[in-house]
Amino acid sequence: MTTESEDRISNVLAERYASPAMRAIWSASGRIRLERDYWIAVMKAQRELGLAIPEEAIVAYESVRDQVDLASIQNRERVTRHDVKARIEEFCDLAGHEHIHKGLTSRDLTENVEQLQIVRALELVRLKAVSALDRMQRLAKTHSERILTARTHNVPAQFTTLGKRIAMFGEDMLQATEALCQLLKSYPGRGLKGPVGTQMDLLTLFEGDVSRVEALENSILRHLGIAVSLHCVGQVYPRSLDLRVISLLVELAAGPSGFAKTLRIMAGHELASEGFAEGQVGSSAMPHKMNSRSCERLNGFAVILRGYLSMASELAGDQWNEGDVSCSVVRRVCLPDAFFAMDGLLETFITILDQMEIYPEMIAMENARYAPFLATTTLLMEAVKAGAGREAAHEAIKQHAVATVRDLRHGIITQNDLVDRLAEDGRLGLERAQLQQIVEQATTQVGLAHRQVELFSEHIEQLLSRFPDAANFKPGALL
């Protein structure tokens, strides 16, 4: 018989997709350790500022900091029906003292610890984002000369390079990563503000000494590693700040998601793939299948993130008076799970970048098929220069191009013969040799694609110099 503990409902995002490092930040035991560190930091600061807290009490609390019994805490919560009170009682019983949480409200604990979790999670996301960008710029440079048929509306348009295409999605991600860096610099902590934000209890505890209240708060902000403080809040910090954080995650997911969707399209045309590991199975029924399962997963993560963004947007501006806990159940889901999804997305993206394959022969075949079509803008201008009327030349090229496409699609012809058809049309005033030369030249004309890749790479190198550890990061969360 299956017991209740064996049949527990798991968090799929955390257990299947997120890395151990991200799980550690948001796990129940990890959070409790952060809370205990926070309580100890407050006690130490209070003692230094004159409160009667024995040194041996602090030592006792420190000695039991890692004794985390989740079942015991849950049993206490069933009685108190208050999660923070249960954790206070547990920590005090373990230490044999009652000196934590003096002058604090539950939100002085939970708000600050949750913000610490957010900051640490954002730092981990930043590391992986920079690592992904480093891989993108290296791939972009590797393929900066590889001519590729570019598409708009998913229809062949002009020539580009594969490196330029990679850099295009990288530029999107780079902008979001810089925004993430700025958010980490400006992210404000709530600090110690008390039940309604007036700091009255702390002021009473310190006998009306404003300087000691401010000194305590500054000490705690340093402990949290947060440089900026909110000065005027109620019981909770503005939930618009959570909206800003998750919105940033959605923005950061956009570049990788666009890349993954395009790679899926390229795989369908056999131009590239995300790779296929030895022993991997694409389908239980169709042995030949090599699906873009990682790219599909990545796009799925992006959908999940947008869902959590919707949840966070419902909380912004929805607090009554100085605060309530109507947001609690929502935030317990959307904050950790948004980071689990973002972590899984980045781990998946880095894996794709490390394992993707390019098929030059297939790319060359596609270029040859579409080259005459992609040269039509140049053909039109050359016809005008030769004396043809613009509209007459446009109509002639359109008629022959459409006819050629139809014949190719119906199998009437196997090679693009647009040049031959145009050479026989006197409306353009161009000889076959001229037309052929224009088409051949068009296959090498990619504008400033090479220079754009260089500029993208330079920006990534500058970013990497600020976060050198990112160059050595290797994904480890996914099978």
Protein backbone atom coordinates (compact mmCIF):
# COMPACT_ATOMS: atom_id res chain seq x y z
CA MET A 1 0.00 0.00 0.00
CA THR A 2 1.28 3.47 -0.88
CA THR A 3 1.64 5.74 2.13
CA GLU A 4 0.71 9.43 2.11
CA SER A 5 4.39 10.44 2.30
CA GLU A 6 5.26 8.22 -0.67
CA ASP A 7 2.39 9.64 -2.73
CA ARG A 8 3.13 13.29 -2.07
CA ILE A 9 2.47 15.84 -4.80
CA SER A 10 5.75 17.22 -6.10
CA ASN A 11 6.64 20.59 -7.56
CA VAL A 12 7.40 19.60 -11.14
CA LEU A 13 9.22 22.83 -11.97
CA ALA A 14 11.51 22.51 -8.98
CA GLU A 15 12.20 18.79 -9.08
CA ARG A 16 12.34 18.18 -12.83
CA TYR A 17 13.75 21.37 -14.29
CA ALA A 18 15.40 23.71 -11.76
CA SER A 19 19.04 23.38 -10.75
CA PRO A 20 20.11 22.35 -7.22
CA ALA A 21 21.39 25.89 -6.64
CA MET A 22 18.02 27.46 -7.44
CA ARG A 23 16.14 24.86 -5.43
CA ALA A 24 18.36 25.55 -2.43
CA ILE A 25 17.38 29.23 -2.46
CA TRP A 26 13.65 28.49 -2.36
CA SER A 27 13.48 25.20 -0.45
CA ALA A 28 11.66 25.07 2.90
CA SER A 29 14.81 24.17 4.82
CA GLY A 30 16.86 26.75 2.91
CA ARG A 31 14.37 29.47 3.73
CA ILE A 32 14.36 28.53 7.42
CA ARG A 33 18.15 28.78 7.53
CA LEU A 34 17.96 32.22 5.92
CA GLU A 35 15.38 33.27 8.50
CA ARG A 36 17.55 32.04 11.33
CA ASP A 37 20.55 33.88 9.92
CA TYR A 38 18.35 36.96 9.78
CA TRP A 39 17.18 36.60 13.40
CA ILE A 40 20.77 36.11 14.57
CA ALA A 41 21.91 39.18 12.61
CA VAL A 42 19.11 41.24 14.22
CA MET A 43 20.06 39.96 17.70
CA LYS A 44 23.71 40.82 17.20
CA ALA A 45 22.87 44.30 15.99
CA GLN A 46 20.43 44.85 18.85
CA ARG A 47 23.02 43.72 21.39
CA GLU A 48 25.63 46.07 19.91
CA LEU A 49 23.08 48.88 20.18
CA GLY A 50 22.50 48.25 23.89
CA LEU A 51 19.70 45.72 24.25
CA ALA A 52 20.12 43.17 27.01
CA ILE A 53 20.76 40.08 24.91
CA PRO A 54 23.34 37.69 26.46
CA GLU A 55 26.22 36.59 24.28
CA GLU A 56 25.59 32.98 25.29
CA ALA A 57 22.07 33.23 23.90
CA ILE A 58 23.41 34.23 20.48
CA VAL A 59 25.93 31.39 20.62
CA ALA A 60 23.13 28.96 21.50
CA TYR A 61 21.01 30.08 18.56
CA GLU A 62 23.99 29.82 16.20
CA SER A 63 24.73 26.28 17.41
CA VAL A 64 21.26 25.00 16.41
CA ARG A 65 20.89 27.04 13.22
CA ASP A 66 21.11 23.96 10.97
CA GLN A 67 18.83 21.72 13.05
CA VAL A 68 15.82 21.99 10.77
CA ASP A 69 12.92 19.64 11.52
CA LEU A 70 10.20 20.47 9.01
CA ALA A 71 7.72 17.98 10.49
CA SER A 72 8.07 19.51 13.96
CA ILE A 73 7.51 23.02 12.58
CA GLN A 74 4.44 21.84 10.65
CA ASN A 75 3.00 20.28 13.79
CA ARG A 76 3.44 23.57 15.63
CA GLU A 77 1.77 25.45 12.78
CA ARG A 78 -1.27 23.17 12.94
CA VAL A 79 -1.75 24.43 16.51
CA THR A 80 -0.79 28.11 16.12
CA ARG A 81 -2.22 28.46 12.60
CA HIS A 82 0.60 30.95 12.12
CA ASP A 83 3.70 29.91 10.20
CA VAL A 84 6.09 32.50 11.63
CA LYS A 85 5.03 31.86 15.24
CA ALA A 86 5.64 28.15 14.70
CA ARG A 87 9.16 28.81 13.45
CA ILE A 88 9.88 31.23 16.32
CA GLU A 89 8.83 28.61 18.88
CA GLU A 90 10.88 25.89 17.19
CA PHE A 91 14.07 27.97 17.08
CA CYS A 92 13.69 29.19 20.67
CA ASP A 93 13.06 25.68 22.02
CA LEU A 94 16.13 24.37 20.21
CA ALA A 95 18.31 27.19 21.59
CA GLY A 96 16.78 27.28 25.06
CA HIS A 97 16.31 31.07 24.92
CA GLU A 98 13.67 33.63 23.91
CA HIS A 99 15.61 36.54 22.43
CA ILE A 100 14.75 36.47 18.72
CA HIS A 101 12.08 38.59 17.02
CA LYS A 102 12.18 41.44 19.57
CA GLY A 103 10.45 44.53 18.22
CA LEU A 104 9.65 42.76 14.95
CA THR A 105 6.46 41.81 13.22
CA SER A 106 6.12 38.73 11.02
CA ARG A 107 6.54 40.86 7.95
CA ASP A 108 9.81 42.27 9.23
CA LEU A 109 11.00 38.70 8.92
CA THR A 110 9.20 37.31 5.90
CA GLU A 111 9.38 40.38 3.64
CA ASN A 112 13.12 40.80 4.10
CA VAL A 113 13.93 37.09 3.80
CA GLU A 114 11.79 36.80 0.66
CA GLN A 115 13.60 39.80 -0.80
CA LEU A 116 16.90 38.13 0.03
CA GLN A 117 15.72 35.02 -1.81
CA ILE A 118 14.71 37.16 -4.80
CA VAL A 119 18.08 38.93 -4.91
CA ARG A 120 20.04 35.68 -4.68
CA ALA A 121 17.84 34.08 -7.33
CA LEU A 122 18.30 37.09 -9.62
CA GLU A 123 22.07 36.85 -9.17
CA LEU A 124 21.97 33.18 -10.20
CA VAL A 125 19.80 34.06 -13.21
CA ARG A 126 22.27 36.80 -14.17
CA LEU A 127 25.18 34.33 -14.07
CA LYS A 128 23.40 31.93 -16.41
CA ALA A 129 22.15 34.69 -18.71
CA VAL A 130 25.68 36.03 -19.19
CA SER A 131 26.94 32.48 -19.76
CA ALA A 132 24.30 31.95 -22.45
CA LEU A 133 25.22 35.26 -24.10
CA ASP A 134 28.88 34.25 -24.13
CA ARG A 135 27.97 31.08 -25.98
CA MET A 136 25.78 33.03 -28.40
CA GLN A 137 28.54 35.47 -29.31
CA ARG A 138 30.98 32.62 -29.90
CA LEU A 139 28.48 30.84 -32.14
CA ALA A 140 27.72 34.10 -33.94
CA LYS A 141 31.41 34.64 -34.68
CA THR A 142 31.84 31.03 -35.81
CA HIS A 143 29.02 31.41 -38.33
CA SER A 144 29.46 35.08 -39.20
CA GLU A 145 30.35 34.20 -42.83
CA ARG A 146 27.73 31.49 -43.41
CA ILE A 147 25.17 32.91 -45.87
CA LEU A 148 21.60 32.07 -44.99
CA THR A 149 18.21 32.74 -46.55
CA ALA A 150 16.53 35.26 -44.24
CA ARG A 151 12.76 35.23 -43.83
CA THR A 152 10.14 37.78 -42.93
CA HIS A 153 6.58 36.51 -42.33
CA ASN A 154 8.35 33.11 -42.58
CA VAL A 155 8.79 33.77 -46.31
CA PRO A 156 12.24 34.10 -48.01
CA ALA A 157 13.16 37.79 -48.12
CA GLN A 158 16.91 38.53 -48.51
CA PHE A 159 20.21 36.98 -47.60
CA THR A 160 21.68 37.26 -44.12
CA THR A 161 24.23 35.21 -42.22
CA LEU A 162 23.65 32.56 -39.60
CA GLY A 163 25.89 34.54 -37.25
CA LYS A 164 23.71 37.61 -37.71
CA ARG A 165 20.58 35.60 -36.94
CA ILE A 166 22.09 34.27 -33.72
CA ALA A 167 23.27 37.74 -32.74
CA MET A 168 19.80 39.14 -33.43
CA PHE A 169 18.26 36.98 -30.71
CA GLY A 170 21.32 37.63 -28.56
CA GLU A 171 20.77 41.38 -28.80
CA ASP A 172 17.27 40.91 -27.39
CA MET A 173 18.67 38.89 -24.50
CA LEU A 174 21.53 41.35 -23.95
CA GLN A 175 19.11 44.25 -23.43
CA ALA A 176 17.17 42.25 -20.86
CA THR A 177 20.37 41.15 -19.10
CA GLU A 178 21.53 44.75 -18.76
CA ALA A 179 18.09 45.60 -17.35
CA LEU A 180 18.57 42.75 -14.86
CA CYS A 181 21.93 44.16 -13.79
CA GLN A 182 20.31 47.54 -13.25
CA LEU A 183 17.46 46.00 -11.26
CA LEU A 184 19.93 44.31 -8.92
CA LYS A 185 21.66 47.65 -8.33
CA SER A 186 18.43 49.50 -7.56
CA TYR A 187 16.38 46.76 -5.86
CA PRO A 188 15.10 48.26 -2.56
CA GLY A 189 14.71 46.40 0.71
CA ARG A 190 11.77 46.91 3.04
CA GLY A 191 13.93 46.95 6.17
CA LEU A 192 12.54 46.86 9.72
CA LYS A 193 9.34 48.86 9.75
CA GLY A 194 7.04 47.10 12.20
CA PRO A 195 3.34 46.14 11.99
CA VAL A 196 2.11 49.18 10.03
CA GLY A 197 5.41 50.61 8.86
CA THR A 198 5.90 53.32 11.53
CA GLN A 199 8.76 51.52 13.38
CA MET A 200 6.94 52.31 16.65
CA ASP A 201 7.82 49.03 18.40
CA LEU A 202 11.53 49.40 17.65
CA LEU A 203 11.41 53.00 18.78
CA THR A 204 9.85 51.83 22.06
CA LEU A 205 12.43 49.06 22.41
CA PHE A 206 15.24 51.61 22.03
CA GLU A 207 13.56 54.08 24.40
CA GLY A 208 12.84 56.64 21.72
CA ASP A 209 16.37 56.73 20.30
CA VAL A 210 15.84 57.33 16.57
CA SER A 211 19.53 56.92 15.76
CA ARG A 212 19.60 53.38 17.13
CA VAL A 213 16.46 52.42 15.18
CA GLU A 214 18.10 53.66 11.98
CA ALA A 215 21.40 52.00 12.84
CA LEU A 216 19.62 48.66 13.34
CA GLU A 217 17.86 48.91 9.99
CA ASN A 218 21.10 49.83 8.19
CA SER A 219 22.83 46.86 9.81
CA ILE A 220 20.13 44.48 8.59
CA LEU A 221 20.24 45.88 5.05
CA ARG A 222 23.98 45.23 5.01
CA HIS A 223 23.31 41.67 6.17
CA LEU A 224 20.87 41.24 3.31
CA GLY A 225 23.34 42.72 0.83
CA ILE A 226 20.75 45.26 -0.34
CA ALA A 227 22.09 48.77 -0.87
CA VAL A 228 18.80 50.64 -1.25
CA SER A 229 16.04 50.95 1.35
CA LEU A 230 12.38 51.81 1.08
CA HIS A 231 11.68 54.66 3.48
CA CYS A 232 7.90 54.78 3.66
CA VAL A 233 6.05 51.46 3.50
CA GLY A 234 3.24 49.77 5.38
CA GLN A 235 3.26 46.20 6.62
CA VAL A 236 4.44 44.93 3.22
CA TYR A 237 6.59 46.33 0.45
CA PRO A 238 4.70 47.38 -2.71
CA ARG A 239 3.71 44.31 -4.68
CA SER A 240 4.49 46.26 -7.83
CA LEU A 241 8.10 45.34 -7.03
CA ASP A 242 7.27 41.64 -7.50
CA LEU A 243 5.61 42.57 -10.78
CA ARG A 244 8.83 44.32 -11.85
CA VAL A 245 10.91 41.25 -11.02
CA ILE A 246 8.73 38.73 -12.85
CA SER A 247 8.27 41.13 -15.76
CA LEU A 248 12.06 41.22 -16.06
CA LEU A 249 12.15 37.41 -16.15
CA VAL A 250 9.59 37.41 -18.96
CA GLU A 251 11.67 39.97 -20.85
CA LEU A 252 14.80 37.91 -20.33
CA ALA A 253 13.06 34.82 -21.68
CA ALA A 254 12.09 36.54 -24.94
CA GLY A 255 15.44 36.23 -26.74
CA PRO A 256 15.96 32.53 -25.95
CA SER A 257 12.31 31.78 -26.74
CA GLY A 258 12.54 33.47 -30.14
CA PHE A 259 15.79 31.63 -30.83
CA ALA A 260 14.25 28.27 -29.88
CA LYS A 261 11.17 28.82 -32.02
CA THR A 262 13.31 29.74 -35.02
CA LEU A 263 15.58 26.74 -34.49
CA ARG A 264 12.48 24.54 -34.50
CA ILE A 265 11.51 26.04 -37.87
CA MET A 266 15.05 25.53 -39.20
CA ALA A 267 14.98 21.92 -38.00
CA GLY A 268 11.79 21.39 -40.01
CA HIS A 269 13.70 22.54 -43.11
CA GLU A 270 16.71 20.38 -42.08
CA LEU A 271 18.99 23.42 -41.95
CA ALA A 272 19.96 22.95 -38.30
CA SER A 273 18.92 21.06 -35.18
CA GLU A 274 19.32 21.22 -31.43
CA GLY A 275 21.35 18.01 -31.60
CA PHE A 276 20.44 14.42 -30.84
CA ALA A 277 22.40 12.63 -28.12
CA GLU A 278 23.51 9.02 -28.34
CA GLY A 279 20.75 6.84 -26.96
CA GLN A 280 18.12 9.58 -27.24
CA VAL A 281 14.65 8.58 -28.47
CA GLY A 282 12.47 10.98 -30.43
CA SER A 283 9.28 8.92 -30.50
CA SER A 284 8.15 5.63 -28.99
CA ALA A 285 6.19 4.88 -32.17
CA MET A 286 8.30 6.44 -34.96
CA PRO A 287 11.96 5.43 -34.64
CA HIS A 288 13.15 7.98 -37.21
CA LYS A 289 11.90 11.01 -35.25
CA MET A 290 14.43 13.53 -33.92
CA ASN A 291 12.17 16.09 -32.30
CA SER A 292 13.26 19.52 -31.07
CA ARG A 293 12.17 18.58 -27.56
CA SER A 294 14.49 20.98 -25.72
CA CYS A 295 13.42 23.94 -27.85
CA GLU A 296 9.79 23.00 -27.29
CA ARG A 297 10.43 22.81 -23.55
CA LEU A 298 12.07 26.23 -23.60
CA ASN A 299 9.07 27.76 -25.37
CA GLY A 300 6.86 26.12 -22.75
CA PHE A 301 8.83 27.77 -19.95
CA ALA A 302 8.23 31.13 -21.61
CA VAL A 303 4.48 30.48 -21.52
CA ILE A 304 4.67 29.55 -17.84
CA LEU A 305 6.52 32.77 -17.04
CA ARG A 306 3.87 34.85 -18.76
CA GLY A 307 1.29 33.10 -16.61
CA TYR A 308 3.12 34.06 -13.43
CA LEU A 309 3.42 37.60 -14.74
CA SER A 310 -0.35 37.71 -14.96
CA MET A 311 -0.58 36.51 -11.35
CA ALA A 312 1.88 39.15 -10.15
CA SER A 313 0.03 41.89 -12.02
CA GLU A 314 -3.14 41.02 -10.09
CA LEU A 315 -1.35 41.76 -6.80
CA ALA A 316 0.11 45.13 -7.75
CA GLY A 317 -2.07 47.85 -6.21
CA ASP A 318 -4.36 45.30 -4.57
CA GLN A 319 -3.33 45.73 -0.90
CA TRP A 320 -5.84 47.17 1.59
CA ASN A 321 -4.66 50.10 3.72
CA GLU A 322 -1.23 49.27 5.23
CA GLY A 323 -1.33 45.69 3.96
CA ASP A 324 -3.06 42.31 4.13
CA VAL A 325 -2.17 38.69 3.40
CA SER A 326 -4.48 38.12 0.42
CA CYS A 327 -1.33 38.05 -1.68
CA SER A 328 0.38 35.39 0.41
CA VAL A 329 -0.84 32.24 -1.32
CA VAL A 330 -0.28 33.78 -4.75
CA ARG A 331 3.27 34.88 -3.99
CA ARG A 332 4.14 31.51 -2.48
CA VAL A 333 3.41 30.05 -5.89
CA CYS A 334 4.41 32.68 -8.43
CA LEU A 335 7.71 33.88 -6.93
CA PRO A 336 9.59 30.59 -6.47
CA ASP A 337 7.99 28.91 -9.47
CA ALA A 338 8.79 31.83 -11.78
CA PHE A 339 12.44 31.46 -10.81
CA PHE A 340 12.29 27.67 -11.21
CA ALA A 341 10.87 28.17 -14.73
CA MET A 342 13.48 30.82 -15.57
CA ASP A 343 16.25 28.59 -14.24
CA GLY A 344 15.01 25.64 -16.28
CA LEU A 345 14.73 27.84 -19.35
CA LEU A 346 18.32 29.06 -19.07
CA GLU A 347 19.71 25.61 -18.31
CA THR A 348 17.84 24.26 -21.35
CA PHE A 349 18.99 27.16 -23.54
CA ILE A 350 22.64 26.70 -22.64
CA THR A 351 22.34 22.98 -23.37
CA ILE A 352 20.86 23.77 -26.79
CA LEU A 353 23.65 26.22 -27.57
CA ASP A 354 26.25 23.62 -26.59
CA GLN A 355 24.74 20.79 -28.63
CA MET A 356 23.06 22.35 -31.68
CA GLU A 357 24.16 21.26 -35.15
CA ILE A 358 24.31 23.18 -38.44
CA TYR A 359 23.93 21.52 -41.87
CA PRO A 360 25.85 23.64 -44.44
CA GLU A 361 24.87 21.50 -47.43
CA MET A 362 21.18 21.94 -46.76
CA ILE A 363 21.65 25.67 -46.25
CA ALA A 364 23.48 25.89 -49.60
CA MET A 365 20.68 24.01 -51.35
CA GLU A 366 18.08 26.37 -49.94
CA ASN A 367 20.13 29.41 -50.93
CA ALA A 368 20.41 28.12 -54.50
CA ARG A 369 16.65 27.51 -54.68
CA TYR A 370 15.77 31.04 -53.55
CA ALA A 371 18.70 33.10 -54.85
CA PRO A 372 16.96 34.47 -57.98
CA PHE A 373 13.92 35.47 -55.92
CA LEU A 374 16.03 37.18 -53.26
CA ALA A 375 17.83 39.17 -55.95
CA THR A 376 14.64 40.68 -57.39
CA THR A 377 15.01 44.05 -55.61
CA THR A 378 18.44 44.44 -57.20
CA LEU A 379 17.17 43.20 -60.57
CA LEU A 380 14.43 45.82 -60.45
CA MET A 381 16.88 48.65 -59.81
CA GLU A 382 19.25 47.47 -62.54
CA ALA A 383 16.36 47.30 -65.02
CA VAL A 384 15.38 50.86 -64.15
CA LYS A 385 18.99 51.98 -64.65
CA ALA A 386 18.92 50.28 -68.07
CA GLY A 387 15.94 52.40 -69.11
CA ALA A 388 12.92 50.28 -68.16
CA GLY A 389 9.93 51.85 -66.48
CA ARG A 390 9.85 50.93 -62.81
CA GLU A 391 6.27 49.68 -62.73
CA ALA A 392 6.61 47.79 -66.01
CA ALA A 393 9.78 46.11 -64.77
CA HIS A 394 8.14 45.34 -61.41
CA GLU A 395 5.19 43.70 -63.13
CA ALA A 396 7.45 41.64 -65.41
CA ILE A 397 9.56 40.36 -62.53
CA LYS A 398 6.47 39.59 -60.44
CA GLN A 399 4.78 37.62 -63.24
CA HIS A 400 7.82 35.45 -63.88
CA ALA A 401 8.64 35.00 -60.19
CA VAL A 402 5.11 33.85 -59.33
CA ALA A 403 5.08 31.49 -62.32
CA THR A 404 8.45 30.05 -61.32
CA VAL A 405 7.30 29.48 -57.74
CA ARG A 406 4.20 27.68 -58.90
CA ASP A 407 6.13 25.45 -61.27
CA LEU A 408 8.61 24.56 -58.52
CA ARG A 409 5.81 23.75 -56.08
CA HIS A 410 3.97 21.59 -58.61
CA GLY A 411 7.13 19.74 -59.63
CA ILE A 412 7.00 20.98 -63.21
CA ILE A 413 10.60 22.16 -62.81
CA THR A 414 13.24 21.06 -60.30
CA GLN A 415 15.55 24.09 -60.45
CA ASN A 416 14.83 27.80 -60.24
CA ASP A 417 14.88 29.11 -63.84
CA LEU A 418 13.74 32.68 -63.15
CA VAL A 419 16.86 34.11 -64.82
CA ASP A 420 16.06 32.29 -68.08
CA ARG A 421 12.48 33.56 -68.06
CA LEU A 422 13.53 37.15 -67.40
CA ALA A 423 16.20 36.99 -70.12
CA GLU A 424 13.48 36.21 -72.66
CA ASP A 425 11.35 39.18 -71.54
CA GLY A 426 12.31 42.37 -73.38
CA ARG A 427 10.63 44.62 -70.81
CA LEU A 428 13.68 44.59 -68.52
CA GLY A 429 16.29 45.46 -71.13
CA LEU A 430 18.87 43.14 -69.48
CA GLU A 431 20.86 40.32 -71.10
CA ARG A 432 21.01 36.86 -69.56
CA ALA A 433 24.67 37.29 -68.58
CA GLN A 434 23.82 40.50 -66.75
CA LEU A 435 20.93 38.86 -64.95
CA GLN A 436 23.04 35.88 -63.92
CA GLN A 437 25.81 38.12 -62.64
CA ILE A 438 23.33 40.12 -60.53
CA VAL A 439 21.94 36.93 -58.96
CA GLU A 440 25.41 35.56 -58.21
CA GLN A 441 26.46 38.82 -56.59
CA ALA A 442 23.26 38.92 -54.54
CA THR A 443 24.21 35.64 -52.83
CA THR A 444 27.16 37.42 -51.19
CA GLN A 445 25.45 40.69 -50.32
CA VAL A 446 24.50 40.67 -46.65
CA GLY A 447 24.95 44.35 -45.89
CA LEU A 448 26.54 45.02 -42.51
CA ALA A 449 25.75 41.59 -41.08
CA HIS A 450 29.41 40.86 -40.36
CA ARG A 451 29.97 44.21 -38.62
CA GLN A 452 26.83 43.77 -36.56
CA VAL A 453 28.10 40.43 -35.29
CA GLU A 454 31.39 42.07 -34.35
CA LEU A 455 29.62 44.79 -32.39
CA PHE A 456 27.43 42.24 -30.61
CA SER A 457 30.49 40.21 -29.68
CA GLU A 458 32.27 43.30 -28.33
CA HIS A 459 29.33 44.10 -26.06
CA ILE A 460 29.26 40.55 -24.73
CA GLU A 461 32.99 40.61 -24.04
CA GLN A 462 32.49 43.79 -22.01
CA LEU A 463 29.66 42.16 -20.08
CA LEU A 464 31.74 39.04 -19.48
CA SER A 465 34.57 41.14 -18.03
CA ARG A 466 32.14 42.20 -15.28
CA PHE A 467 31.04 38.61 -14.58
CA PRO A 468 34.01 36.38 -15.46
CA ASP A 469 32.62 33.33 -13.64
CA ALA A 470 29.94 33.05 -16.30
CA ALA A 471 32.50 31.89 -18.88
CA ASN A 472 33.08 28.65 -16.97
CA PHE A 473 29.46 27.86 -16.11
CA LYS A 474 28.15 24.45 -17.17
CA PRO A 475 24.50 23.40 -16.97
CA GLY A 476 23.67 20.52 -14.68
CA ALA A 477 19.94 20.55 -13.98
CA LEU A 478 18.55 18.61 -16.92
CA LEU A 479 18.78 15.05 -18.22
